[in-house]
Amino acid sequence: MITTSNLKINLLLVFLLISTLLGIAVMNIMSFIFSITILFLIIK
């Protein structure tokens, strides 16, 4: 069963990949959001 937390991470991962099509600015923003989120989870 997919939890809400897993769903959010999955969506972040998908949006990160999609952002590669949308230009450097969008990709950099998504990379930052993704990295900060995952680093927080690693520490947590």
ModelCIF file with pLDDT and N, C-alpha, C, O atoms, coordinates in Angstrom:
data_MODEL
#
_entry.id   MODEL 
#
_entity.id                         1 
_entity.type                       polymer 
_entity.pdbx_number_of_molecules   1 
#
_entity_poly.entity_id                      1 
_entity_poly.type                           'polypeptide(L)' 
_entity_poly.nstd_linkage                   no 
_entity_poly.nstd_monomer                   no 
_entity_poly.pdbx_seq_one_letter_code       MITTSNLKINLLLVFLLISTLLGIAVMNIMSFIFSITILFLIIK 
_entity_poly.pdbx_seq_one_letter_code_can   MITTSNLKINLLLVFLLISTLLGIAVMNIMSFIFSITILFLIIK 
_entity_poly.pdbx_strand_id                 A 
#
loop_
_entity_poly_seq.entity_id 
_entity_poly_seq.num 
_entity_poly_seq.mon_id 
_entity_poly_seq.hetero 
1 1  MET n 
1 2  ILE n 
1 3  THR n 
1 4  THR n 
1 5  SER n 
1 6  ASN n 
1 7  LEU n 
1 8  LYS n 
1 9  ILE n 
1 10 ASN n 
1 11 LEU n 
1 12 LEU n 
1 13 LEU n 
1 14 VAL n 
1 15 PHE n 
1 16 LEU n 
1 17 LEU n 
1 18 ILE n 
1 19 SER n 
1 20 THR n 
1 21 LEU n 
1 22 LEU n 
1 23 GLY n 
1 24 ILE n 
1 25 ALA n 
1 26 VAL n 
1 27 MET n 
1 28 ASN n 
1 29 ILE n 
1 30 MET n 
1 31 SER n 
1 32 PHE n 
1 33 ILE n 
1 34 PHE n 
1 35 SER n 
1 36 ILE n 
1 37 THR n 
1 38 ILE n 
1 39 LEU n 
1 40 PHE n 
1 41 LEU n 
1 42 ILE n 
1 43 ILE n 
1 44 LYS n 
#
_struct_asym.id          A 
_struct_asym.entity_id   1 
#
loop_
_ma_qa_metric.id 
_ma_qa_metric.mode 
_ma_qa_metric.name 
_ma_qa_metric.software_group_id 
_ma_qa_metric.type 
1 global pLDDT . pLDDT 
2 local  pLDDT . pLDDT 
#
_ma_qa_metric_global.metric_id      1 
_ma_qa_metric_global.metric_value   90.30 
_ma_qa_metric_global.model_id       1 
_ma_qa_metric_global.ordinal_id     1 
#
loop_
_ma_qa_metric_local.label_asym_id 
_ma_qa_metric_local.label_comp_id 
_ma_qa_metric_local.label_seq_id 
_ma_qa_metric_local.metric_id 
_ma_qa_metric_local.metric_value 
_ma_qa_metric_local.model_id 
_ma_qa_metric_local.ordinal_id 
A MET 1  2 50.00 1 1  
A ILE 2  2 56.00 1 2  
A THR 3  2 67.00 1 3  
A THR 4  2 71.00 1 4  
A SER 5  2 72.00 1 5  
A ASN 6  2 84.00 1 6  
A LEU 7  2 88.00 1 7  
A LYS 8  2 89.00 1 8  
A ILE 9  2 93.00 1 9  
A ASN 10 2 93.00 1 10 
A LEU 11 2 94.00 1 11 
A LEU 12 2 95.00 1 12 
A LEU 13 2 95.00 1 13 
A VAL 14 2 96.00 1 14 
A PHE 15 2 96.00 1 15 
A LEU 16 2 96.00 1 16 
A LEU 17 2 96.00 1 17 
A ILE 18 2 96.00 1 18 
A SER 19 2 96.00 1 19 
A THR 20 2 94.00 1 20 
A LEU 21 2 94.00 1 21 
A LEU 22 2 92.00 1 22 
A GLY 23 2 88.00 1 23 
A ILE 24 2 89.00 1 24 
A ALA 25 2 91.00 1 25 
A VAL 26 2 94.00 1 26 
A MET 27 2 94.00 1 27 
A ASN 28 2 92.00 1 28 
A ILE 29 2 95.00 1 29 
A MET 30 2 96.00 1 30 
A SER 31 2 95.00 1 31 
A PHE 32 2 95.00 1 32 
A ILE 33 2 96.00 1 33 
A PHE 34 2 96.00 1 34 
A SER 35 2 95.00 1 35 
A ILE 36 2 96.00 1 36 
A THR 37 2 96.00 1 37 
A ILE 38 2 96.00 1 38 
A LEU 39 2 95.00 1 39 
A PHE 40 2 95.00 1 40 
A LEU 41 2 94.00 1 41 
A ILE 42 2 95.00 1 42 
A ILE 43 2 94.00 1 43 
A LYS 44 2 93.00 1 44 
#
loop_
_atom_site.group_PDB 
_atom_site.id 
_atom_site.type_symbol 
_atom_site.label_atom_id 
_atom_site.label_alt_id 
_atom_site.label_comp_id 
_atom_site.label_asym_id 
_atom_site.label_entity_id 
_atom_site.label_seq_id 
_atom_site.pdbx_PDB_ins_code 
_atom_site.Cartn_x 
_atom_site.Cartn_y 
_atom_site.Cartn_z 
_atom_site.occupancy 
_atom_site.B_iso_or_equiv 
_atom_site.pdbx_formal_charge 
_atom_site.auth_seq_id 
_atom_site.auth_comp_id 
_atom_site.auth_asym_id 
_atom_site.auth_atom_id 
_atom_site.pdbx_PDB_model_num 
ATOM 1   N N  . MET A 1 1  ? 0.840  -1.201 0.000   1.00 50.00 ? 1  MET A N  1 
ATOM 2   C CA . MET A 1 1  ? 0.000  0.000  0.000   1.00 50.00 ? 1  MET A CA 1 
ATOM 3   C C  . MET A 1 1  ? 0.880  1.257  0.000   1.00 50.00 ? 1  MET A C  1 
ATOM 4   O O  . MET A 1 1  ? 1.835  1.350  0.771   1.00 50.00 ? 1  MET A O  1 
ATOM 5   N N  . ILE A 1 2  ? 0.555  2.218  -0.863  1.00 56.00 ? 2  ILE A N  1 
ATOM 6   C CA . ILE A 1 2  ? 1.326  3.449  -0.973  1.00 56.00 ? 2  ILE A CA 1 
ATOM 7   C C  . ILE A 1 2  ? 0.820  4.453  0.054   1.00 56.00 ? 2  ILE A C  1 
ATOM 8   O O  . ILE A 1 2  ? -0.349 4.840  0.031   1.00 56.00 ? 2  ILE A O  1 
ATOM 9   N N  . THR A 1 3  ? 1.703  4.874  0.953   1.00 67.00 ? 3  THR A N  1 
ATOM 10  C CA . THR A 1 3  ? 1.329  5.849  1.961   1.00 67.00 ? 3  THR A CA 1 
ATOM 11  C C  . THR A 1 3  ? 1.355  7.252  1.362   1.00 67.00 ? 3  THR A C  1 
ATOM 12  O O  . THR A 1 3  ? 1.872  7.465  0.266   1.00 67.00 ? 3  THR A O  1 
ATOM 13  N N  . THR A 1 4  ? 0.789  8.202  2.104   1.00 71.00 ? 4  THR A N  1 
ATOM 14  C CA . THR A 1 4  ? 0.776  9.591  1.645   1.00 71.00 ? 4  THR A CA 1 
ATOM 15  C C  . THR A 1 4  ? 2.191  10.118 1.486   1.00 71.00 ? 4  THR A C  1 
ATOM 16  O O  . THR A 1 4  ? 2.492  10.844 0.538   1.00 71.00 ? 4  THR A O  1 
ATOM 17  N N  . SER A 1 5  ? 3.065  9.743  2.429   1.00 72.00 ? 5  SER A N  1 
ATOM 18  C CA . SER A 1 5  ? 4.460  10.178 2.370   1.00 72.00 ? 5  SER A CA 1 
ATOM 19  C C  . SER A 1 5  ? 5.149  9.641  1.119   1.00 72.00 ? 5  SER A C  1 
ATOM 20  O O  . SER A 1 5  ? 5.854  10.376 0.428   1.00 72.00 ? 5  SER A O  1 
ATOM 21  N N  . ASN A 1 6  ? 4.940  8.346  0.829   1.00 84.00 ? 6  ASN A N  1 
ATOM 22  C CA . ASN A 1 6  ? 5.542  7.748  -0.366  1.00 84.00 ? 6  ASN A CA 1 
ATOM 23  C C  . ASN A 1 6  ? 5.010  8.380  -1.637  1.00 84.00 ? 6  ASN A C  1 
ATOM 24  O O  . ASN A 1 6  ? 5.755  8.579  -2.597  1.00 84.00 ? 6  ASN A O  1 
ATOM 25  N N  . LEU A 1 7  ? 3.719  8.697  -1.646  1.00 88.00 ? 7  LEU A N  1 
ATOM 26  C CA . LEU A 1 7  ? 3.103  9.322  -2.818  1.00 88.00 ? 7  LEU A CA 1 
ATOM 27  C C  . LEU A 1 7  ? 3.732  10.685 -3.093  1.00 88.00 ? 7  LEU A C  1 
ATOM 28  O O  . LEU A 1 7  ? 3.991  11.037 -4.244  1.00 88.00 ? 7  LEU A O  1 
ATOM 29  N N  . LYS A 1 8  ? 3.973  11.442 -2.037  1.00 89.00 ? 8  LYS A N  1 
ATOM 30  C CA . LYS A 1 8  ? 4.593  12.762 -2.198  1.00 89.00 ? 8  LYS A CA 1 
ATOM 31  C C  . LYS A 1 8  ? 6.006  12.636 -2.762  1.00 89.00 ? 8  LYS A C  1 
ATOM 32  O O  . LYS A 1 8  ? 6.404  13.398 -3.643  1.00 89.00 ? 8  LYS A O  1 
ATOM 33  N N  . ILE A 1 9  ? 6.754  11.669 -2.248  1.00 93.00 ? 9  ILE A N  1 
ATOM 34  C CA . ILE A 1 9  ? 8.121  11.455 -2.744  1.00 93.00 ? 9  ILE A CA 1 
ATOM 35  C C  . ILE A 1 9  ? 8.096  11.010 -4.196  1.00 93.00 ? 9  ILE A C  1 
ATOM 36  O O  . ILE A 1 9  ? 8.913  11.462 -4.998  1.00 93.00 ? 9  ILE A O  1 
ATOM 37  N N  . ASN A 1 10 ? 7.164  10.126 -4.541  1.00 93.00 ? 10 ASN A N  1 
ATOM 38  C CA . ASN A 1 10 ? 7.030  9.660  -5.927  1.00 93.00 ? 10 ASN A CA 1 
ATOM 39  C C  . ASN A 1 10 ? 6.712  10.821 -6.867  1.00 93.00 ? 10 ASN A C  1 
ATOM 40  O O  . ASN A 1 10 ? 7.266  10.917 -7.962  1.00 93.00 ? 10 ASN A O  1 
ATOM 41  N N  . LEU A 1 11 ? 5.820  11.693 -6.427  1.00 94.00 ? 11 LEU A N  1 
ATOM 42  C CA . LEU A 1 11 ? 5.451  12.853 -7.247  1.00 94.00 ? 11 LEU A CA 1 
ATOM 43  C C  . LEU A 1 11 ? 6.639  13.795 -7.421  1.00 94.00 ? 11 LEU A C  1 
ATOM 44  O O  . LEU A 1 11 ? 6.868  14.333 -8.504  1.00 94.00 ? 11 LEU A O  1 
ATOM 45  N N  . LEU A 1 12 ? 7.386  13.983 -6.343  1.00 95.00 ? 12 LEU A N  1 
ATOM 46  C CA . LEU A 1 12 ? 8.583  14.823 -6.431  1.00 95.00 ? 12 LEU A CA 1 
ATOM 47  C C  . LEU A 1 12 ? 9.572  14.260 -7.435  1.00 95.00 ? 12 LEU A C  1 
ATOM 48  O O  . LEU A 1 12 ? 10.171 15.000 -8.215  1.00 95.00 ? 12 LEU A O  1 
ATOM 49  N N  . LEU A 1 13 ? 9.738  12.949 -7.408  1.00 95.00 ? 13 LEU A N  1 
ATOM 50  C CA . LEU A 1 13 ? 10.667 12.287 -8.331  1.00 95.00 ? 13 LEU A CA 1 
ATOM 51  C C  . LEU A 1 13 ? 10.212 12.458 -9.775  1.00 95.00 ? 13 LEU A C  1 
ATOM 52  O O  . LEU A 1 13 ? 11.020 12.753 -10.656 1.00 95.00 ? 13 LEU A O  1 
ATOM 53  N N  . VAL A 1 14 ? 8.923  12.271 -10.013 1.00 96.00 ? 14 VAL A N  1 
ATOM 54  C CA . VAL A 1 14 ? 8.367  12.432 -11.365 1.00 96.00 ? 14 VAL A CA 1 
ATOM 55  C C  . VAL A 1 14 ? 8.521  13.871 -11.842 1.00 96.00 ? 14 VAL A C  1 
ATOM 56  O O  . VAL A 1 14 ? 8.934  14.109 -12.977 1.00 96.00 ? 14 VAL A O  1 
ATOM 57  N N  . PHE A 1 15 ? 8.190  14.832 -10.977 1.00 96.00 ? 15 PHE A N  1 
ATOM 58  C CA . PHE A 1 15 ? 8.295  16.244 -11.353 1.00 96.00 ? 15 PHE A CA 1 
ATOM 59  C C  . PHE A 1 15 ? 9.749  16.643 -11.599 1.00 96.00 ? 15 PHE A C  1 
ATOM 60  O O  . PHE A 1 15 ? 10.032 17.492 -12.444 1.00 96.00 ? 15 PHE A O  1 
ATOM 61  N N  . LEU A 1 16 ? 10.671 16.026 -10.854 1.00 96.00 ? 16 LEU A N  1 
ATOM 62  C CA . LEU A 1 16 ? 12.094 16.293 -11.076 1.00 96.00 ? 16 LEU A CA 1 
ATOM 63  C C  . LEU A 1 16 ? 12.498 15.875 -12.482 1.00 96.00 ? 16 LEU A C  1 
ATOM 64  O O  . LEU A 1 16 ? 13.201 16.610 -13.176 1.00 96.00 ? 16 LEU A O  1 
ATOM 65  N N  . LEU A 1 17 ? 12.057 14.703 -12.898 1.00 96.00 ? 17 LEU A N  1 
ATOM 66  C CA . LEU A 1 17 ? 12.386 14.213 -14.240 1.00 96.00 ? 17 LEU A CA 1 
ATOM 67  C C  . LEU A 1 17 ? 11.716 15.048 -15.326 1.00 96.00 ? 17 LEU A C  1 
ATOM 68  O O  . LEU A 1 17 ? 12.331 15.362 -16.345 1.00 96.00 ? 17 LEU A O  1 
ATOM 69  N N  . ILE A 1 18 ? 10.461 15.402 -15.105 1.00 96.00 ? 18 ILE A N  1 
ATOM 70  C CA . ILE A 1 18 ? 9.738  16.226 -16.085 1.00 96.00 ? 18 ILE A CA 1 
ATOM 71  C C  . ILE A 1 18 ? 10.395 17.594 -16.237 1.00 96.00 ? 18 ILE A C  1 
ATOM 72  O O  . ILE A 1 18 ? 10.419 18.162 -17.328 1.00 96.00 ? 18 ILE A O  1 
ATOM 73  N N  . SER A 1 19 ? 10.928 18.117 -15.133 1.00 96.00 ? 19 SER A N  1 
ATOM 74  C CA . SER A 1 19 ? 11.536 19.456 -15.156 1.00 96.00 ? 19 SER A CA 1 
ATOM 75  C C  . SER A 1 19 ? 12.730 19.533 -16.100 1.00 96.00 ? 19 SER A C  1 
ATOM 76  O O  . SER A 1 19 ? 13.103 20.622 -16.536 1.00 96.00 ? 19 SER A O  1 
ATOM 77  N N  . THR A 1 20 ? 13.338 18.382 -16.421 1.00 94.00 ? 20 THR A N  1 
ATOM 78  C CA . THR A 1 20 ? 14.470 18.386 -17.349 1.00 94.00 ? 20 THR A CA 1 
ATOM 79  C C  . THR A 1 20 ? 14.056 18.838 -18.750 1.00 94.00 ? 20 THR A C  1 
ATOM 80  O O  . THR A 1 20 ? 14.894 19.237 -19.558 1.00 94.00 ? 20 THR A O  1 
ATOM 81  N N  . LEU A 1 21 ? 12.759 18.770 -19.024 1.00 94.00 ? 21 LEU A N  1 
ATOM 82  C CA . LEU A 1 21 ? 12.241 19.208 -20.321 1.00 94.00 ? 21 LEU A CA 1 
ATOM 83  C C  . LEU A 1 21 ? 11.863 20.689 -20.331 1.00 94.00 ? 21 LEU A C  1 
ATOM 84  O O  . LEU A 1 21 ? 11.615 21.260 -21.393 1.00 94.00 ? 21 LEU A O  1 
ATOM 85  N N  . LEU A 1 22 ? 11.819 21.302 -19.166 1.00 92.00 ? 22 LEU A N  1 
ATOM 86  C CA . LEU A 1 22 ? 11.209 22.622 -19.038 1.00 92.00 ? 22 LEU A CA 1 
ATOM 87  C C  . LEU A 1 22 ? 12.198 23.770 -18.891 1.00 92.00 ? 22 LEU A C  1 
ATOM 88  O O  . LEU A 1 22 ? 11.807 24.894 -18.580 1.00 92.00 ? 22 LEU A O  1 
ATOM 89  N N  . GLY A 1 23 ? 13.453 23.495 -19.110 1.00 88.00 ? 23 GLY A N  1 
ATOM 90  C CA . GLY A 1 23 ? 14.452 24.559 -19.048 1.00 88.00 ? 23 GLY A CA 1 
ATOM 91  C C  . GLY A 1 23 ? 15.272 24.520 -17.770 1.00 88.00 ? 23 GLY A C  1 
ATOM 92  O O  . GLY A 1 23 ? 14.889 23.894 -16.782 1.00 88.00 ? 23 GLY A O  1 
ATOM 93  N N  . ILE A 1 24 ? 16.412 25.205 -17.811 1.00 89.00 ? 24 ILE A N  1 
ATOM 94  C CA . ILE A 1 24 ? 17.358 25.169 -16.697 1.00 89.00 ? 24 ILE A CA 1 
ATOM 95  C C  . ILE A 1 24 ? 16.777 25.765 -15.426 1.00 89.00 ? 24 ILE A C  1 
ATOM 96  O O  . ILE A 1 24 ? 16.991 25.230 -14.338 1.00 89.00 ? 24 ILE A O  1 
ATOM 97  N N  . ALA A 1 25 ? 16.047 26.865 -15.549 1.00 91.00 ? 25 ALA A N  1 
ATOM 98  C CA . ALA A 1 25 ? 15.504 27.532 -14.364 1.00 91.00 ? 25 ALA A CA 1 
ATOM 99  C C  . ALA A 1 25 ? 14.547 26.617 -13.602 1.00 91.00 ? 25 ALA A C  1 
ATOM 100 O O  . ALA A 1 25 ? 14.657 26.465 -12.386 1.00 91.00 ? 25 ALA A O  1 
ATOM 101 N N  . VAL A 1 26 ? 13.610 26.011 -14.330 1.00 94.00 ? 26 VAL A N  1 
ATOM 102 C CA . VAL A 1 26 ? 12.643 25.107 -13.696 1.00 94.00 ? 26 VAL A CA 1 
ATOM 103 C C  . VAL A 1 26 ? 13.355 23.888 -13.123 1.00 94.00 ? 26 VAL A C  1 
ATOM 104 O O  . VAL A 1 26 ? 13.037 23.447 -12.019 1.00 94.00 ? 26 VAL A O  1 
ATOM 105 N N  . MET A 1 27 ? 14.305 23.347 -13.859 1.00 94.00 ? 27 MET A N  1 
ATOM 106 C CA . MET A 1 27 ? 15.046 22.173 -13.396 1.00 94.00 ? 27 MET A CA 1 
ATOM 107 C C  . MET A 1 27 ? 15.832 22.484 -12.120 1.00 94.00 ? 27 MET A C  1 
ATOM 108 O O  . MET A 1 27 ? 15.882 21.662 -11.205 1.00 94.00 ? 27 MET A O  1 
ATOM 109 N N  . ASN A 1 28 ? 16.443 23.668 -12.057 1.00 92.00 ? 28 ASN A N  1 
ATOM 110 C CA . ASN A 1 28 ? 17.202 24.053 -10.870 1.00 92.00 ? 28 ASN A CA 1 
ATOM 111 C C  . ASN A 1 28 ? 16.290 24.205 -9.651  1.00 92.00 ? 28 ASN A C  1 
ATOM 112 O O  . ASN A 1 28 ? 16.651 23.805 -8.544  1.00 92.00 ? 28 ASN A O  1 
ATOM 113 N N  . ILE A 1 29 ? 15.122 24.779 -9.859  1.00 95.00 ? 29 ILE A N  1 
ATOM 114 C CA . ILE A 1 29 ? 14.164 24.940 -8.761  1.00 95.00 ? 29 ILE A CA 1 
ATOM 115 C C  . ILE A 1 29 ? 13.711 23.586 -8.250  1.00 95.00 ? 29 ILE A C  1 
ATOM 116 O O  . ILE A 1 29 ? 13.680 23.349 -7.042  1.00 95.00 ? 29 ILE A O  1 
ATOM 117 N N  . MET A 1 30 ? 13.352 22.680 -9.184  1.00 96.00 ? 30 MET A N  1 
ATOM 118 C CA . MET A 1 30 ? 12.904 21.343 -8.785  1.00 96.00 ? 30 MET A CA 1 
ATOM 119 C C  . MET A 1 30 ? 14.024 20.547 -8.127  1.00 96.00 ? 30 MET A C  1 
ATOM 120 O O  . MET A 1 30 ? 13.785 19.809 -7.172  1.00 96.00 ? 30 MET A O  1 
ATOM 121 N N  . SER A 1 31 ? 15.230 20.692 -8.630  1.00 95.00 ? 31 SER A N  1 
ATOM 122 C CA . SER A 1 31 ? 16.371 19.995 -8.038  1.00 95.00 ? 31 SER A CA 1 
ATOM 123 C C  . SER A 1 31 ? 16.598 20.458 -6.604  1.00 95.00 ? 31 SER A C  1 
ATOM 124 O O  . SER A 1 31 ? 16.899 19.653 -5.723  1.00 95.00 ? 31 SER A O  1 
ATOM 125 N N  . PHE A 1 32 ? 16.453 21.753 -6.380  1.00 95.00 ? 32 PHE A N  1 
ATOM 126 C CA . PHE A 1 32 ? 16.623 22.309 -5.041  1.00 95.00 ? 32 PHE A CA 1 
ATOM 127 C C  . PHE A 1 32 ? 15.549 21.783 -4.091  1.00 95.00 ? 32 PHE A C  1 
ATOM 128 O O  . PHE A 1 32 ? 15.854 21.346 -2.981  1.00 95.00 ? 32 PHE A O  1 
ATOM 129 N N  . ILE A 1 33 ? 14.290 21.826 -4.532  1.00 96.00 ? 33 ILE A N  1 
ATOM 130 C CA . ILE A 1 33 ? 13.177 21.342 -3.700  1.00 96.00 ? 33 ILE A CA 1 
ATOM 131 C C  . ILE A 1 33 ? 13.346 19.862 -3.387  1.00 96.00 ? 33 ILE A C  1 
ATOM 132 O O  . ILE A 1 33 ? 13.179 19.433 -2.245  1.00 96.00 ? 33 ILE A O  1 
ATOM 133 N N  . PHE A 1 34 ? 13.682 19.082 -4.420  1.00 96.00 ? 34 PHE A N  1 
ATOM 134 C CA . PHE A 1 34 ? 13.870 17.639 -4.251  1.00 96.00 ? 34 PHE A CA 1 
ATOM 135 C C  . PHE A 1 34 ? 15.016 17.344 -3.289  1.00 96.00 ? 34 PHE A C  1 
ATOM 136 O O  . PHE A 1 34 ? 14.871 16.522 -2.384  1.00 96.00 ? 34 PHE A O  1 
ATOM 137 N N  . SER A 1 35 ? 16.153 18.011 -3.479  1.00 95.00 ? 35 SER A N  1 
ATOM 138 C CA . SER A 1 35 ? 17.333 17.758 -2.655  1.00 95.00 ? 35 SER A CA 1 
ATOM 139 C C  . SER A 1 35 ? 17.087 18.129 -1.198  1.00 95.00 ? 35 SER A C  1 
ATOM 140 O O  . SER A 1 35 ? 17.442 17.373 -0.294  1.00 95.00 ? 35 SER A O  1 
ATOM 141 N N  . ILE A 1 36 ? 16.484 19.283 -0.969  1.00 96.00 ? 36 ILE A N  1 
ATOM 142 C CA . ILE A 1 36 ? 16.196 19.721 0.399   1.00 96.00 ? 36 ILE A CA 1 
ATOM 143 C C  . ILE A 1 36 ? 15.254 18.745 1.090   1.00 96.00 ? 36 ILE A C  1 
ATOM 144 O O  . ILE A 1 36 ? 15.446 18.408 2.258   1.00 96.00 ? 36 ILE A O  1 
ATOM 145 N N  . THR A 1 37 ? 14.235 18.293 0.364   1.00 96.00 ? 37 THR A N  1 
ATOM 146 C CA . THR A 1 37 ? 13.262 17.355 0.929   1.00 96.00 ? 37 THR A CA 1 
ATOM 147 C C  . THR A 1 37 ? 13.920 16.034 1.312   1.00 96.00 ? 37 THR A C  1 
ATOM 148 O O  . THR A 1 37 ? 13.699 15.515 2.406   1.00 96.00 ? 37 THR A O  1 
ATOM 149 N N  . ILE A 1 38 ? 14.731 15.495 0.401   1.00 96.00 ? 38 ILE A N  1 
ATOM 150 C CA . ILE A 1 38 ? 15.370 14.202 0.657   1.00 96.00 ? 38 ILE A CA 1 
ATOM 151 C C  . ILE A 1 38 ? 16.431 14.313 1.745   1.00 96.00 ? 38 ILE A C  1 
ATOM 152 O O  . ILE A 1 38 ? 16.555 13.407 2.569   1.00 96.00 ? 38 ILE A O  1 
ATOM 153 N N  . LEU A 1 39 ? 17.192 15.393 1.770   1.00 95.00 ? 39 LEU A N  1 
ATOM 154 C CA . LEU A 1 39 ? 18.182 15.583 2.827   1.00 95.00 ? 39 LEU A CA 1 
ATOM 155 C C  . LEU A 1 39 ? 17.512 15.652 4.195   1.00 95.00 ? 39 LEU A C  1 
ATOM 156 O O  . LEU A 1 39 ? 18.023 15.113 5.176   1.00 95.00 ? 39 LEU A O  1 
ATOM 157 N N  . PHE A 1 40 ? 16.373 16.315 4.248   1.00 95.00 ? 40 PHE A N  1 
ATOM 158 C CA . PHE A 1 40 ? 15.604 16.378 5.502   1.00 95.00 ? 40 PHE A CA 1 
ATOM 159 C C  . PHE A 1 40 ? 15.173 14.978 5.940   1.00 95.00 ? 40 PHE A C  1 
ATOM 160 O O  . PHE A 1 40 ? 15.228 14.650 7.125   1.00 95.00 ? 40 PHE A O  1 
ATOM 161 N N  . LEU A 1 41 ? 14.747 14.161 4.986   1.00 94.00 ? 41 LEU A N  1 
ATOM 162 C CA . LEU A 1 41 ? 14.318 12.792 5.311   1.00 94.00 ? 41 LEU A CA 1 
ATOM 163 C C  . LEU A 1 41 ? 15.494 11.922 5.759   1.00 94.00 ? 41 LEU A C  1 
ATOM 164 O O  . LEU A 1 41 ? 15.354 11.091 6.657   1.00 94.00 ? 41 LEU A O  1 
ATOM 165 N N  . ILE A 1 42 ? 16.649 12.118 5.127   1.00 95.00 ? 42 ILE A N  1 
ATOM 166 C CA . ILE A 1 42 ? 17.840 11.363 5.525   1.00 95.00 ? 42 ILE A CA 1 
ATOM 167 C C  . ILE A 1 42 ? 18.182 11.660 6.987   1.00 95.00 ? 42 ILE A C  1 
ATOM 168 O O  . ILE A 1 42 ? 18.459 10.752 7.771   1.00 95.00 ? 42 ILE A O  1 
ATOM 169 N N  . ILE A 1 43 ? 18.155 12.936 7.331   1.00 94.00 ? 43 ILE A N  1 
ATOM 170 C CA . ILE A 1 43 ? 18.468 13.344 8.714   1.00 94.00 ? 43 ILE A CA 1 
ATOM 171 C C  . ILE A 1 43 ? 17.378 12.870 9.675   1.00 94.00 ? 43 ILE A C  1 
ATOM 172 O O  . ILE A 1 43 ? 17.668 12.370 10.763  1.00 94.00 ? 43 ILE A O  1 
ATOM 173 N N  . LYS A 1 44 ? 16.126 13.032 9.261   1.00 93.00 ? 44 LYS A N  1 
ATOM 174 C CA . LYS A 1 44 ? 14.999 12.629 10.103  1.00 93.00 ? 44 LYS A CA 1 
ATOM 175 C C  . LYS A 1 44 ? 15.024 11.129 10.392  1.00 93.00 ? 44 LYS A C  1 
ATOM 176 O O  . LYS A 1 44 ? 14.147 10.620 11.088  1.00 93.00 ? 44 LYS A O  1 
#
